[in-house]
Amino acid sequence: MNLKRHKDRETLERIKRWPQLIGRFPRVRIYSAEHGAYWRRYGQGYTVEKGESAVWDCMDAFRKTMHCDPIKGIQFVDACASPRRRQEYA
């Protein structure tokens, strides 16, 4: 699967290969390229609306997804994309 590189996200497969990337973002949304949508809270399916998606600590997101097959195209999207939001989590 050919995934376009984005500055605001990291793929599950890259984090499996380079675990030091897990701390790149403090809080993330889980995105499934297979479904073209974000994970909702409490396993309630998928959504294309960021505001309806769950936000996790990056390590928790990794634990929830580490079993996923690469075909799913799991990506961790920075939930604090603006510099001001990043400072809130620092």
PDB file of N, CA and C in Angstrom:
ATOM      1  N   MET A   1       0.844  -1.168   0.000  1.00  0.00           N
ATOM      2  CA  MET A   1       0.000   0.000   0.000  1.00  0.00           C
ATOM      3  C   MET A   1       0.893   1.235   0.000  1.00  0.00           C
ATOM      4  N   ASN A   2       0.649   2.141  -0.911  1.00  0.00           N
ATOM      5  CA  ASN A   2       1.451   3.348  -1.036  1.00  0.00           C
ATOM      6  C   ASN A   2       0.787   4.471  -0.246  1.00  0.00           C
ATOM      7  N   LEU A   3       1.395   4.883   0.864  1.00  0.00           N
ATOM      8  CA  LEU A   3       0.832   5.936   1.694  1.00  0.00           C
ATOM      9  C   LEU A   3       1.627   7.216   1.503  1.00  0.00           C
ATOM     10  N   LYS A   4       0.910   8.308   1.267  1.00  0.00           N
ATOM     11  CA  LYS A   4       1.548   9.605   1.131  1.00  0.00           C
ATOM     12  C   LYS A   4       2.072  10.049   2.497  1.00  0.00           C
ATOM     13  N   ARG A   5       3.284  10.588   2.541  1.00  0.00           N
ATOM     14  CA  ARG A   5       3.882  11.057   3.793  1.00  0.00           C
ATOM     15  C   ARG A   5       3.285  12.400   4.184  1.00  0.00           C
ATOM     16  N   HIS A   6       2.958  12.545   5.451  1.00  0.00           N
ATOM     17  CA  HIS A   6       2.408  13.778   6.008  1.00  0.00           C
ATOM     18  C   HIS A   6       3.242  14.178   7.216  1.00  0.00           C
ATOM     19  N   LYS A   7       3.368  15.476   7.450  1.00  0.00           N
ATOM     20  CA  LYS A   7       4.116  15.961   8.605  1.00  0.00           C
ATOM     21  C   LYS A   7       3.351  15.772   9.911  1.00  0.00           C
ATOM     22  N   ASP A   8       2.033  15.649   9.835  1.00  0.00           N
ATOM     23  CA  ASP A   8       1.214  15.580  11.039  1.00  0.00           C
ATOM     24  C   ASP A   8       0.840  14.156  11.440  1.00  0.00           C
ATOM     25  N   ARG A   9       1.510  13.145  10.870  1.00  0.00           N
ATOM     26  CA  ARG A   9       1.146  11.763  11.191  1.00  0.00           C
ATOM     27  C   ARG A   9       2.334  10.827  11.051  1.00  0.00           C
ATOM     28  N   GLU A  10       2.165   9.671  11.645  1.00  0.00           N
ATOM     29  CA  GLU A  10       3.173   8.612  11.555  1.00  0.00           C
ATOM     30  C   GLU A  10       2.433   7.301  11.384  1.00  0.00           C
ATOM     31  N   THR A  11       2.990   6.386  10.611  1.00  0.00           N
ATOM     32  CA  THR A  11       2.319   5.106  10.375  1.00  0.00           C
ATOM     33  C   THR A  11       2.684   4.082  11.454  1.00  0.00           C
ATOM     34  N   LEU A  12       1.792   3.160  11.665  1.00  0.00           N
ATOM     35  CA  LEU A  12       2.027   2.064  12.602  1.00  0.00           C
ATOM     36  C   LEU A  12       3.255   1.268  12.195  1.00  0.00           C
ATOM     37  N   GLU A  13       3.393   1.008  10.919  1.00  0.00           N
ATOM     38  CA  GLU A  13       4.518   0.192  10.451  1.00  0.00           C
ATOM     39  C   GLU A  13       5.862   0.873  10.700  1.00  0.00           C
ATOM     40  N   ARG A  14       5.926   2.196  10.535  1.00  0.00           N
ATOM     41  CA  ARG A  14       7.178   2.908  10.825  1.00  0.00           C
ATOM     42  C   ARG A  14       7.485   2.875  12.322  1.00  0.00           C
ATOM     43  N   ILE A  15       6.455   2.994  13.146  1.00  0.00           N
ATOM     44  CA  ILE A  15       6.679   2.957  14.596  1.00  0.00           C
ATOM     45  C   ILE A  15       7.117   1.562  15.032  1.00  0.00           C
ATOM     46  N   LYS A  16       6.572   0.522  14.413  1.00  0.00           N
ATOM     47  CA  LYS A  16       7.037  -0.830  14.728  1.00  0.00           C
ATOM     48  C   LYS A  16       8.512  -0.983  14.380  1.00  0.00           C
ATOM     49  N   ARG A  17       8.925  -0.388  13.278  1.00  0.00           N
ATOM     50  CA  ARG A  17      10.316  -0.494  12.837  1.00  0.00           C
ATOM     51  C   ARG A  17      11.239   0.417  13.647  1.00  0.00           C
ATOM     52  N   TRP A  18      10.763   1.633  13.958  1.00  0.00           N
ATOM     53  CA  TRP A  18      11.563   2.608  14.705  1.00  0.00           C
ATOM     54  C   TRP A  18      10.771   3.074  15.928  1.00  0.00           C
ATOM     55  N   PRO A  19      10.816   2.313  17.034  1.00  0.00           N
ATOM     56  CA  PRO A  19      10.010   2.619  18.223  1.00  0.00           C
ATOM     57  C   PRO A  19      10.237   4.015  18.812  1.00  0.00           C
ATOM     58  N   GLN A  20      11.376   4.616  18.560  1.00  0.00           N
ATOM     59  CA  GLN A  20      11.635   5.950  19.108  1.00  0.00           C
ATOM     60  C   GLN A  20      10.673   6.998  18.522  1.00  0.00           C
ATOM     61  N   LEU A  21      10.003   6.692  17.413  1.00  0.00           N
ATOM     62  CA  LEU A  21       9.040   7.615  16.820  1.00  0.00           C
ATOM     63  C   LEU A  21       7.755   7.719  17.624  1.00  0.00           C
ATOM     64  N   ILE A  22       7.548   6.817  18.545  1.00  0.00           N
ATOM     65  CA  ILE A  22       6.292   6.793  19.295  1.00  0.00           C
ATOM     66  C   ILE A  22       6.072   8.065  20.106  1.00  0.00           C
ATOM     67  N   GLY A  23       7.138   8.729  20.488  1.00  0.00           N
ATOM     68  CA  GLY A  23       7.002   9.967  21.249  1.00  0.00           C
ATOM     69  C   GLY A  23       6.908  11.220  20.398  1.00  0.00           C
ATOM     70  N   ARG A  24       6.817  11.061  19.101  1.00  0.00           N
ATOM     71  CA  ARG A  24       6.781  12.213  18.196  1.00  0.00           C
ATOM     72  C   ARG A  24       5.590  13.129  18.463  1.00  0.00           C
ATOM     73  N   PHE A  25       4.448  12.545  18.758  1.00  0.00           N
ATOM     74  CA  PHE A  25       3.242  13.321  19.061  1.00  0.00           C
ATOM     75  C   PHE A  25       2.719  12.886  20.430  1.00  0.00           C
ATOM     76  N   PRO A  26       2.372  13.835  21.306  1.00  0.00           N
ATOM     77  CA  PRO A  26       1.879  13.452  22.633  1.00  0.00           C
ATOM     78  C   PRO A  26       0.478  12.833  22.607  1.00  0.00           C
ATOM     79  N   ARG A  27      -0.402  13.355  21.770  1.00  0.00           N
ATOM     80  CA  ARG A  27      -1.786  12.873  21.658  1.00  0.00           C
ATOM     81  C   ARG A  27      -2.100  12.670  20.185  1.00  0.00           C
ATOM     82  N   VAL A  28      -2.789  11.575  19.882  1.00  0.00           N
ATOM     83  CA  VAL A  28      -3.062  11.234  18.480  1.00  0.00           C
ATOM     84  C   VAL A  28      -4.490  10.755  18.267  1.00  0.00           C
ATOM     85  N   ARG A  29      -4.908  10.839  17.019  1.00  0.00           N
ATOM     86  CA  ARG A  29      -6.121  10.182  16.544  1.00  0.00           C
ATOM     87  C   ARG A  29      -5.648   8.994  15.713  1.00  0.00           C
ATOM     88  N   ILE A  30      -6.405   7.912  15.727  1.00  0.00           N
ATOM     89  CA  ILE A  30      -6.049   6.733  14.926  1.00  0.00           C
ATOM     90  C   ILE A  30      -6.841   6.794  13.630  1.00  0.00           C
ATOM     91  N   TYR A  31      -6.106   6.744  12.523  1.00  0.00           N
ATOM     92  CA  TYR A  31      -6.710   6.812  11.199  1.00  0.00           C
ATOM     93  C   TYR A  31      -6.480   5.486  10.475  1.00  0.00           C
ATOM     94  N   SER A  32      -7.523   4.985   9.839  1.00  0.00           N
ATOM     95  CA  SER A  32      -7.428   3.765   9.044  1.00  0.00           C
ATOM     96  C   SER A  32      -7.517   4.140   7.568  1.00  0.00           C
ATOM     97  N   ALA A  33      -6.406   3.964   6.841  1.00  0.00           N
ATOM     98  CA  ALA A  33      -6.416   4.257   5.406  1.00  0.00           C
ATOM     99  C   ALA A  33      -7.349   3.286   4.668  1.00  0.00           C
ATOM    100  N   GLU A  34      -7.483   2.078   5.198  1.00  0.00           N
ATOM    101  CA  GLU A  34      -8.372   1.094   4.578  1.00  0.00           C
ATOM    102  C   GLU A  34      -9.814   1.612   4.535  1.00  0.00           C
ATOM    103  N   HIS A  35     -10.248   2.254   5.602  1.00  0.00           N
ATOM    104  CA  HIS A  35     -11.611   2.770   5.693  1.00  0.00           C
ATOM    105  C   HIS A  35     -11.696   4.254   5.337  1.00  0.00           C
ATOM    106  N   GLY A  36     -10.557   4.921   5.262  1.00  0.00           N
ATOM    107  CA  GLY A  36     -10.561   6.358   4.966  1.00  0.00           C
ATOM    108  C   GLY A  36     -11.220   7.161   6.064  1.00  0.00           C
ATOM    109  N   ALA A  37     -11.048   6.701   7.319  1.00  0.00           N
ATOM    110  CA  ALA A  37     -11.730   7.352   8.437  1.00  0.00           C
ATOM    111  C   ALA A  37     -10.965   7.147   9.743  1.00  0.00           C
ATOM    112  N   TYR A  38     -11.355   7.925  10.750  1.00  0.00           N
ATOM    113  CA  TYR A  38     -10.750   7.847  12.083  1.00  0.00           C
ATOM    114  C   TYR A  38     -11.533   6.882  12.966  1.00  0.00           C
ATOM    115  N   TRP A  39     -10.842   6.334  13.966  1.00  0.00           N
ATOM    116  CA  TRP A  39     -11.512   5.487  14.952  1.00  0.00           C
ATOM    117  C   TRP A  39     -12.356   6.361  15.872  1.00  0.00           C
ATOM    118  N   ARG A  40     -13.556   5.899  16.166  1.00  0.00           N
ATOM    119  CA  ARG A  40     -14.415   6.571  17.150  1.00  0.00           C
ATOM    120  C   ARG A  40     -14.065   6.089  18.553  1.00  0.00           C
ATOM    121  N   ARG A  41     -14.594   6.758  19.527  1.00  0.00           N
ATOM    122  CA  ARG A  41     -14.408   6.366  20.929  1.00  0.00           C
ATOM    123  C   ARG A  41     -15.097   5.031  21.210  1.00  0.00           C
ATOM    124  N   TYR A  42     -14.548   4.290  22.134  1.00  0.00           N
ATOM    125  CA  TYR A  42     -15.154   3.053  22.658  1.00  0.00           C
ATOM    126  C   TYR A  42     -15.447   2.006  21.588  1.00  0.00           C
ATOM    127  N   GLY A  43     -14.687   1.990  20.499  1.00  0.00           N
ATOM    128  CA  GLY A  43     -14.890   0.983  19.463  1.00  0.00           C
ATOM    129  C   GLY A  43     -16.208   1.108  18.740  1.00  0.00           C
ATOM    130  N   GLN A  44     -16.725   2.331  18.622  1.00  0.00           N
ATOM    131  CA  GLN A  44     -18.018   2.551  17.986  1.00  0.00           C
ATOM    132  C   GLN A  44     -17.897   2.852  16.498  1.00  0.00           C
ATOM    133  N   GLY A  45     -16.977   2.184  15.833  1.00  0.00           N
ATOM    134  CA  GLY A  45     -16.863   2.327  14.388  1.00  0.00           C
ATOM    135  C   GLY A  45     -15.914   3.427  13.963  1.00  0.00           C
ATOM    136  N   TYR A  46     -16.182   3.989  12.780  1.00  0.00           N
ATOM    137  CA  TYR A  46     -15.301   4.968  12.147  1.00  0.00           C
ATOM    138  C   TYR A  46     -16.065   6.257  11.858  1.00  0.00           C
ATOM    139  N   THR A  47     -15.304   7.345  11.691  1.00  0.00           N
ATOM    140  CA  THR A  47     -15.889   8.629  11.313  1.00  0.00           C
ATOM    141  C   THR A  47     -14.909   9.399  10.444  1.00  0.00           C
ATOM    142  N   VAL A  48     -15.431  10.206   9.539  1.00  0.00           N
ATOM    143  CA  VAL A  48     -14.567  11.071   8.738  1.00  0.00           C
ATOM    144  C   VAL A  48     -14.389  12.430   9.410  1.00  0.00           C
ATOM    145  N   GLU A  49     -15.154  12.687  10.470  1.00  0.00           N
ATOM    146  CA  GLU A  49     -15.086  13.945  11.211  1.00  0.00           C
ATOM    147  C   GLU A  49     -14.078  13.835  12.348  1.00  0.00           C
ATOM    148  N   LYS A  50     -13.030  14.663  12.307  1.00  0.00           N
ATOM    149  CA  LYS A  50     -12.022  14.627  13.368  1.00  0.00           C
ATOM    150  C   LYS A  50     -12.640  14.873  14.738  1.00  0.00           C
ATOM    151  N   GLY A  51     -13.593  15.779  14.815  1.00  0.00           N
ATOM    152  CA  GLY A  51     -14.223  16.111  16.093  1.00  0.00           C
ATOM    153  C   GLY A  51     -14.977  14.959  16.733  1.00  0.00           C
ATOM    154  N   GLU A  52     -15.363  13.977  15.946  1.00  0.00           N
ATOM    155  CA  GLU A  52     -16.084  12.814  16.464  1.00  0.00           C
ATOM    156  C   GLU A  52     -15.152  11.651  16.782  1.00  0.00           C
ATOM    157  N   SER A  53     -13.875  11.829  16.488  1.00  0.00           N
ATOM    158  CA  SER A  53     -12.921  10.736  16.707  1.00  0.00           C
ATOM    159  C   SER A  53     -12.329  10.807  18.111  1.00  0.00           C
ATOM    160  N   ALA A  54     -11.811   9.682  18.557  1.00  0.00           N
ATOM    161  CA  ALA A  54     -11.185   9.606  19.877  1.00  0.00           C
ATOM    162  C   ALA A  54      -9.759  10.146  19.805  1.00  0.00           C
ATOM    163  N   VAL A  55      -9.275  10.656  20.931  1.00  0.00           N
ATOM    164  CA  VAL A  55      -7.895  11.115  21.046  1.00  0.00           C
ATOM    165  C   VAL A  55      -7.231  10.298  22.142  1.00  0.00           C
ATOM    166  N   TRP A  56      -6.074   9.718  21.818  1.00  0.00           N
ATOM    167  CA  TRP A  56      -5.352   8.863  22.754  1.00  0.00           C
ATOM    168  C   TRP A  56      -3.937   9.359  22.981  1.00  0.00           C
ATOM    169  N   ASP A  57      -3.385   8.952  24.093  1.00  0.00           N
ATOM    170  CA  ASP A  57      -1.952   9.058  24.310  1.00  0.00           C
ATOM    171  C   ASP A  57      -1.318   8.166  23.239  1.00  0.00           C
ATOM    172  N   CYS A  58      -0.183   8.579  22.677  1.00  0.00           N
ATOM    173  CA  CYS A  58       0.411   7.836  21.567  1.00  0.00           C
ATOM    174  C   CYS A  58       0.728   6.384  21.941  1.00  0.00           C
ATOM    175  N   MET A  59       1.220   6.153  23.137  1.00  0.00           N
ATOM    176  CA  MET A  59       1.538   4.784  23.558  1.00  0.00           C
ATOM    177  C   MET A  59       0.268   3.934  23.646  1.00  0.00           C
ATOM    178  N   ASP A  60      -0.817   4.500  24.164  1.00  0.00           N
ATOM    179  CA  ASP A  60      -2.079   3.763  24.224  1.00  0.00           C
ATOM    180  C   ASP A  60      -2.589   3.432  22.822  1.00  0.00           C
ATOM    181  N   ALA A  61      -2.472   4.387  21.911  1.00  0.00           N
ATOM    182  CA  ALA A  61      -2.895   4.149  20.531  1.00  0.00           C
ATOM    183  C   ALA A  61      -2.071   3.025  19.907  1.00  0.00           C
ATOM    184  N   PHE A  62      -0.778   3.024  20.182  1.00  0.00           N
ATOM    185  CA  PHE A  62       0.082   1.969  19.648  1.00  0.00           C
ATOM    186  C   PHE A  62      -0.347   0.608  20.187  1.00  0.00           C
ATOM    187  N   ARG A  63      -0.602   0.528  21.491  1.00  0.00           N
ATOM    188  CA  ARG A  63      -1.036  -0.745  22.094  1.00  0.00           C
ATOM    189  C   ARG A  63      -2.346  -1.242  21.496  1.00  0.00           C
ATOM    190  N   LYS A  64      -3.266  -0.318  21.205  1.00  0.00           N
ATOM    191  CA  LYS A  64      -4.564  -0.708  20.646  1.00  0.00           C
ATOM    192  C   LYS A  64      -4.459  -1.198  19.202  1.00  0.00           C
ATOM    193  N   THR A  65      -3.408  -0.792  18.505  1.00  0.00           N
ATOM    194  CA  THR A  65      -3.320  -1.091  17.076  1.00  0.00           C
ATOM    195  C   THR A  65      -2.177  -2.016  16.678  1.00  0.00           C
ATOM    196  N   MET A  66      -1.286  -2.346  17.599  1.00  0.00           N
ATOM    197  CA  MET A  66      -0.078  -3.093  17.221  1.00  0.00           C
ATOM    198  C   MET A  66      -0.374  -4.439  16.576  1.00  0.00           C
ATOM    199  N   HIS A  67      -1.569  -4.991  16.799  1.00  0.00           N
ATOM    200  CA  HIS A  67      -1.945  -6.275  16.206  1.00  0.00           C
ATOM    201  C   HIS A  67      -2.473  -6.134  14.774  1.00  0.00           C
ATOM    202  N   CYS A  68      -2.756  -4.903  14.335  1.00  0.00           N
ATOM    203  CA  CYS A  68      -3.396  -4.675  13.037  1.00  0.00           C
ATOM    204  C   CYS A  68      -2.479  -5.041  11.864  1.00  0.00           C
ATOM    205  N   ASP A  69      -3.072  -5.611  10.855  1.00  0.00           N
ATOM    206  CA  ASP A  69      -2.364  -5.978   9.627  1.00  0.00           C
ATOM    207  C   ASP A  69      -1.963  -4.712   8.861  1.00  0.00           C
ATOM    208  N   PRO A  70      -0.819  -4.715   8.193  1.00  0.00           N
ATOM    209  CA  PRO A  70      -0.388  -3.539   7.424  1.00  0.00           C
ATOM    210  C   PRO A  70      -1.395  -3.079   6.372  1.00  0.00           C
ATOM    211  N   ILE A  71      -2.235  -3.972   5.871  1.00  0.00           N
ATOM    212  CA  ILE A  71      -3.227  -3.611   4.853  1.00  0.00           C
ATOM    213  C   ILE A  71      -4.220  -2.569   5.386  1.00  0.00           C
ATOM    214  N   LYS A  72      -4.371  -2.495   6.703  1.00  0.00           N
ATOM    215  CA  LYS A  72      -5.281  -1.517   7.308  1.00  0.00           C
ATOM    216  C   LYS A  72      -4.759  -0.091   7.154  1.00  0.00           C
ATOM    217  N   GLY A  73      -3.448   0.060   6.985  1.00  0.00           N
ATOM    218  CA  GLY A  73      -2.873   1.397   6.806  1.00  0.00           C
ATOM    219  C   GLY A  73      -3.075   2.295   8.013  1.00  0.00           C
ATOM    220  N   ILE A  74      -2.836   1.756   9.199  1.00  0.00           N
ATOM    221  CA  ILE A  74      -3.036   2.532  10.430  1.00  0.00           C
ATOM    222  C   ILE A  74      -2.028   3.672  10.508  1.00  0.00           C
ATOM    223  N   GLN A  75      -2.554   4.857  10.818  1.00  0.00           N
ATOM    224  CA  GLN A  75      -1.734   6.047  10.980  1.00  0.00           C
ATOM    225  C   GLN A  75      -2.112   6.743  12.279  1.00  0.00           C
ATOM    226  N   PHE A  76      -1.123   7.334  12.928  1.00  0.00           N
ATOM    227  CA  PHE A  76      -1.351   8.112  14.137  1.00  0.00           C
ATOM    228  C   PHE A  76      -1.252   9.581  13.738  1.00  0.00           C
ATOM    229  N   VAL A  77      -2.375  10.278  13.827  1.00  0.00           N
ATOM    230  CA  VAL A  77      -2.457  11.674  13.392  1.00  0.00           C
ATOM    231  C   VAL A  77      -2.344  12.576  14.614  1.00  0.00           C
ATOM    232  N   ASP A  78      -1.442  13.536  14.536  1.00  0.00           N
ATOM    233  CA  ASP A  78      -1.217  14.484  15.618  1.00  0.00           C
ATOM    234  C   ASP A  78      -2.527  15.178  15.987  1.00  0.00           C
ATOM    235  N   ALA A  79      -2.960  15.025  17.227  1.00  0.00           N
ATOM    236  CA  ALA A  79      -4.204  15.645  17.681  1.00  0.00           C
ATOM    237  C   ALA A  79      -3.982  17.079  18.126  1.00  0.00           C
ATOM    238  N   CYS A  80      -2.751  17.509  18.222  1.00  0.00           N
ATOM    239  CA  CYS A  80      -2.416  18.875  18.639  1.00  0.00           C
ATOM    240  C   CYS A  80      -1.608  19.528  17.529  1.00  0.00           C
ATOM    241  N   ALA A  81      -2.167  19.596  16.346  1.00  0.00           N
ATOM    242  CA  ALA A  81      -1.406  20.034  15.173  1.00  0.00           C
ATOM    243  C   ALA A  81      -0.898  21.466  15.251  1.00  0.00           C
ATOM    244  N   SER A  82      -1.606  22.347  15.940  1.00  0.00           N
ATOM    245  CA  SER A  82      -1.131  23.730  16.012  1.00  0.00           C
ATOM    246  C   SER A  82      -0.069  23.860  17.099  1.00  0.00           C
ATOM    247  N   PRO A  83       0.898  24.773  16.932  1.00  0.00           N
ATOM    248  CA  PRO A  83       1.947  24.952  17.953  1.00  0.00           C
ATOM    249  C   PRO A  83       1.375  25.287  19.325  1.00  0.00           C
ATOM    250  N   ARG A  84       0.286  26.064  19.384  1.00  0.00           N
ATOM    251  CA  ARG A  84      -0.317  26.415  20.670  1.00  0.00           C
ATOM    252  C   ARG A  84      -0.851  25.166  21.379  1.00  0.00           C
ATOM    253  N   ARG A  85      -1.516  24.293  20.647  1.00  0.00           N
ATOM    254  CA  ARG A  85      -2.048  23.057  21.238  1.00  0.00           C
ATOM    255  C   ARG A  85      -0.916  22.163  21.726  1.00  0.00           C
ATOM    256  N   ARG A  86       0.201  22.096  20.997  1.00  0.00           N
ATOM    257  CA  ARG A  86       1.335  21.276  21.420  1.00  0.00           C
ATOM    258  C   ARG A  86       1.864  21.753  22.757  1.00  0.00           C
ATOM    259  N   GLN A  87       1.885  23.062  22.989  1.00  0.00           N
ATOM    260  CA  GLN A  87       2.386  23.615  24.248  1.00  0.00           C
ATOM    261  C   GLN A  87       1.495  23.177  25.411  1.00  0.00           C
ATOM    262  N   GLU A  88       0.204  23.017  25.163  1.00  0.00           N
ATOM    263  CA  GLU A  88      -0.721  22.570  26.217  1.00  0.00           C
ATOM    264  C   GLU A  88      -0.358  21.184  26.727  1.00  0.00           C
ATOM    265  N   TYR A  89       0.188  20.332  25.858  1.00  0.00           N
ATOM    266  CA  TYR A  89       0.518  18.962  26.218  1.00  0.00           C
ATOM    267  C   TYR A  89       1.963  18.791  26.622  1.00  0.00           C
ATOM    268  N   ALA A  90       2.759  19.863  26.518  1.00  0.00           N
ATOM    269  CA  ALA A  90       4.195  19.757  26.860  1.00  0.00           C
ATOM    270  C   ALA A  90       4.414  19.635  28.344  1.00  0.00           C
TER     271      ALA A  90
END
